[in-house]
Amino acid sequence: MPKYQRVKESGITFFFRYDRVDPSLLHIFARHLTTVDDALALFFNEKPTWNEKFRRYENFSETHGLYWFWRHRFKREVVVITCFRI
């Protein structure tokens, strides 16, 4: 069963998955050298678009991308799929 780090910010709980190959690191850091702060900045500062094909939200800045979905919208819980550099 995957393990997640929970981060609460502005009333929203974010779930960041640990990496499968190196479970001591978050996936976003192990694969893309991005941080929780990078993901939160994208979430709060960039407007999301809905990707129907992959059933996820996508936020982009000039330098980063974020893929995520609501785990429980009413509980304000978000699962971060990945955060990467463009």
C-alpha atoms as a PDB file:
ATOM      1  CA  MET A   1       0.000   0.000   0.000  1.00  0.00           C
ATOM      2  CA  PRO A   2       1.463   3.394  -0.960  1.00  0.00           C
ATOM      3  CA  LYS A   3       2.522   5.816   1.746  1.00  0.00           C
ATOM      4  CA  TYR A   4       1.835   9.523   1.620  1.00  0.00           C
ATOM      5  CA  GLN A   5       3.089  12.619   3.372  1.00  0.00           C
ATOM      6  CA  ARG A   6       0.206  14.855   4.444  1.00  0.00           C
ATOM      7  CA  VAL A   7       0.653  18.609   4.321  1.00  0.00           C
ATOM      8  CA  LYS A   8      -2.041  21.028   5.468  1.00  0.00           C
ATOM      9  CA  GLU A   9      -2.051  24.476   3.861  1.00  0.00           C
ATOM     10  CA  SER A  10      -4.828  27.094   3.825  1.00  0.00           C
ATOM     11  CA  GLY A  11      -7.416  24.591   5.047  1.00  0.00           C
ATOM     12  CA  ILE A  12      -6.577  21.970   2.412  1.00  0.00           C
ATOM     13  CA  THR A  13      -4.818  18.668   3.151  1.00  0.00           C
ATOM     14  CA  PHE A  14      -2.426  17.610   0.393  1.00  0.00           C
ATOM     15  CA  PHE A  15      -1.268  14.016  -0.038  1.00  0.00           C
ATOM     16  CA  PHE A  16       2.209  13.541  -1.542  1.00  0.00           C
ATOM     17  CA  ARG A  17       3.163   9.969  -2.423  1.00  0.00           C
ATOM     18  CA  TYR A  18       6.507   8.515  -1.459  1.00  0.00           C
ATOM     19  CA  ASP A  19       8.593   7.046  -4.288  1.00  0.00           C
ATOM     20  CA  ARG A  20       8.281   3.338  -5.063  1.00  0.00           C
ATOM     21  CA  VAL A  21      12.007   2.875  -5.753  1.00  0.00           C
ATOM     22  CA  ASP A  22      13.253   4.968  -2.819  1.00  0.00           C
ATOM     23  CA  PRO A  23      10.465   5.102  -0.226  1.00  0.00           C
ATOM     24  CA  SER A  24      12.441   7.553   1.913  1.00  0.00           C
ATOM     25  CA  LEU A  25      11.870  10.291  -0.715  1.00  0.00           C
ATOM     26  CA  LEU A  26       8.721  11.866  -2.073  1.00  0.00           C
ATOM     27  CA  HIS A  27       7.974  10.900  -5.671  1.00  0.00           C
ATOM     28  CA  ILE A  28       8.086  14.529  -6.815  1.00  0.00           C
ATOM     29  CA  PHE A  29      11.612  14.919  -5.467  1.00  0.00           C
ATOM     30  CA  ALA A  30      12.984  11.487  -6.459  1.00  0.00           C
ATOM     31  CA  ARG A  31      11.744  11.767 -10.056  1.00  0.00           C
ATOM     32  CA  HIS A  32      11.660  15.509 -10.781  1.00  0.00           C
ATOM     33  CA  LEU A  33      13.709  17.289  -8.076  1.00  0.00           C
ATOM     34  CA  THR A  34      10.674  19.356  -7.127  1.00  0.00           C
ATOM     35  CA  THR A  35       9.442  20.097  -3.623  1.00  0.00           C
ATOM     36  CA  VAL A  36       6.235  20.391  -1.654  1.00  0.00           C
ATOM     37  CA  ASP A  37       6.699  24.177  -1.810  1.00  0.00           C
ATOM     38  CA  ASP A  38       6.878  24.025  -5.628  1.00  0.00           C
ATOM     39  CA  ALA A  39       3.623  22.057  -5.762  1.00  0.00           C
ATOM     40  CA  LEU A  40       1.826  24.334  -3.310  1.00  0.00           C
ATOM     41  CA  ALA A  41       2.928  27.444  -5.212  1.00  0.00           C
ATOM     42  CA  LEU A  42       1.498  26.011  -8.431  1.00  0.00           C
ATOM     43  CA  PHE A  43      -1.726  24.958  -6.752  1.00  0.00           C
ATOM     44  CA  PHE A  44      -2.394  28.334  -5.169  1.00  0.00           C
ATOM     45  CA  ASN A  45      -0.929  30.662  -7.812  1.00  0.00           C
ATOM     46  CA  GLU A  46      -1.811  29.081 -11.168  1.00  0.00           C
ATOM     47  CA  LYS A  47      -5.292  28.457 -12.551  1.00  0.00           C
ATOM     48  CA  PRO A  48      -6.066  24.754 -13.029  1.00  0.00           C
ATOM     49  CA  THR A  49      -7.497  23.209 -16.162  1.00  0.00           C
ATOM     50  CA  TRP A  50      -9.356  19.898 -16.236  1.00  0.00           C
ATOM     51  CA  ASN A  51      -7.846  17.135 -18.397  1.00  0.00           C
ATOM     52  CA  GLU A  52     -10.817  14.893 -19.212  1.00  0.00           C
ATOM     53  CA  LYS A  53      -8.692  12.202 -20.879  1.00  0.00           C
ATOM     54  CA  PHE A  54      -6.598  11.630 -17.740  1.00  0.00           C
ATOM     55  CA  ARG A  55      -9.284  12.810 -15.260  1.00  0.00           C
ATOM     56  CA  ARG A  56      -6.990  15.230 -13.433  1.00  0.00           C
ATOM     57  CA  TYR A  57      -6.379  18.914 -12.913  1.00  0.00           C
ATOM     58  CA  GLU A  58      -3.265  20.487 -14.382  1.00  0.00           C
ATOM     59  CA  ASN A  59      -1.599  23.726 -13.286  1.00  0.00           C
ATOM     60  CA  PHE A  60       1.318  25.229 -15.205  1.00  0.00           C
ATOM     61  CA  SER A  61       3.719  28.077 -14.695  1.00  0.00           C
ATOM     62  CA  GLU A  62       6.560  29.081 -16.999  1.00  0.00           C
ATOM     63  CA  THR A  63       8.867  26.624 -15.206  1.00  0.00           C
ATOM     64  CA  HIS A  64       6.733  23.889 -13.571  1.00  0.00           C
ATOM     65  CA  GLY A  65       3.713  21.652 -13.993  1.00  0.00           C
ATOM     66  CA  LEU A  66       1.413  20.071 -11.408  1.00  0.00           C
ATOM     67  CA  TYR A  67      -1.039  17.178 -11.852  1.00  0.00           C
ATOM     68  CA  TRP A  68      -3.597  16.586  -9.087  1.00  0.00           C
ATOM     69  CA  PHE A  69      -7.161  15.529  -8.209  1.00  0.00           C
ATOM     70  CA  TRP A  70      -9.605  15.967  -5.368  1.00  0.00           C
ATOM     71  CA  ARG A  71      -9.503  12.979  -3.026  1.00  0.00           C
ATOM     72  CA  HIS A  72     -12.501  14.389  -1.141  1.00  0.00           C
ATOM     73  CA  ARG A  73     -13.638  17.795  -2.326  1.00  0.00           C
ATOM     74  CA  PHE A  74     -15.877  18.486   0.684  1.00  0.00           C
ATOM     75  CA  LYS A  75     -13.164  17.423   3.128  1.00  0.00           C
ATOM     76  CA  ARG A  76     -10.758  19.600   1.114  1.00  0.00           C
ATOM     77  CA  GLU A  77      -8.271  16.806   0.419  1.00  0.00           C
ATOM     78  CA  VAL A  78      -6.040  16.850  -2.669  1.00  0.00           C
ATOM     79  CA  VAL A  79      -3.825  14.074  -4.032  1.00  0.00           C
ATOM     80  CA  VAL A  80      -0.752  15.386  -5.837  1.00  0.00           C
ATOM     81  CA  ILE A  81      -0.006  13.037  -8.729  1.00  0.00           C
ATOM     82  CA  THR A  82       3.236  14.748  -9.666  1.00  0.00           C
ATOM     83  CA  CYS A  83       5.034  18.065  -9.871  1.00  0.00           C
ATOM     84  CA  PHE A  84       7.730  18.560 -12.480  1.00  0.00           C
ATOM     85  CA  ARG A  85       9.967  21.086 -14.205  1.00  0.00           C
ATOM     86  CA  ILE A  86       9.144  22.124 -17.758  1.00  0.00           C
END
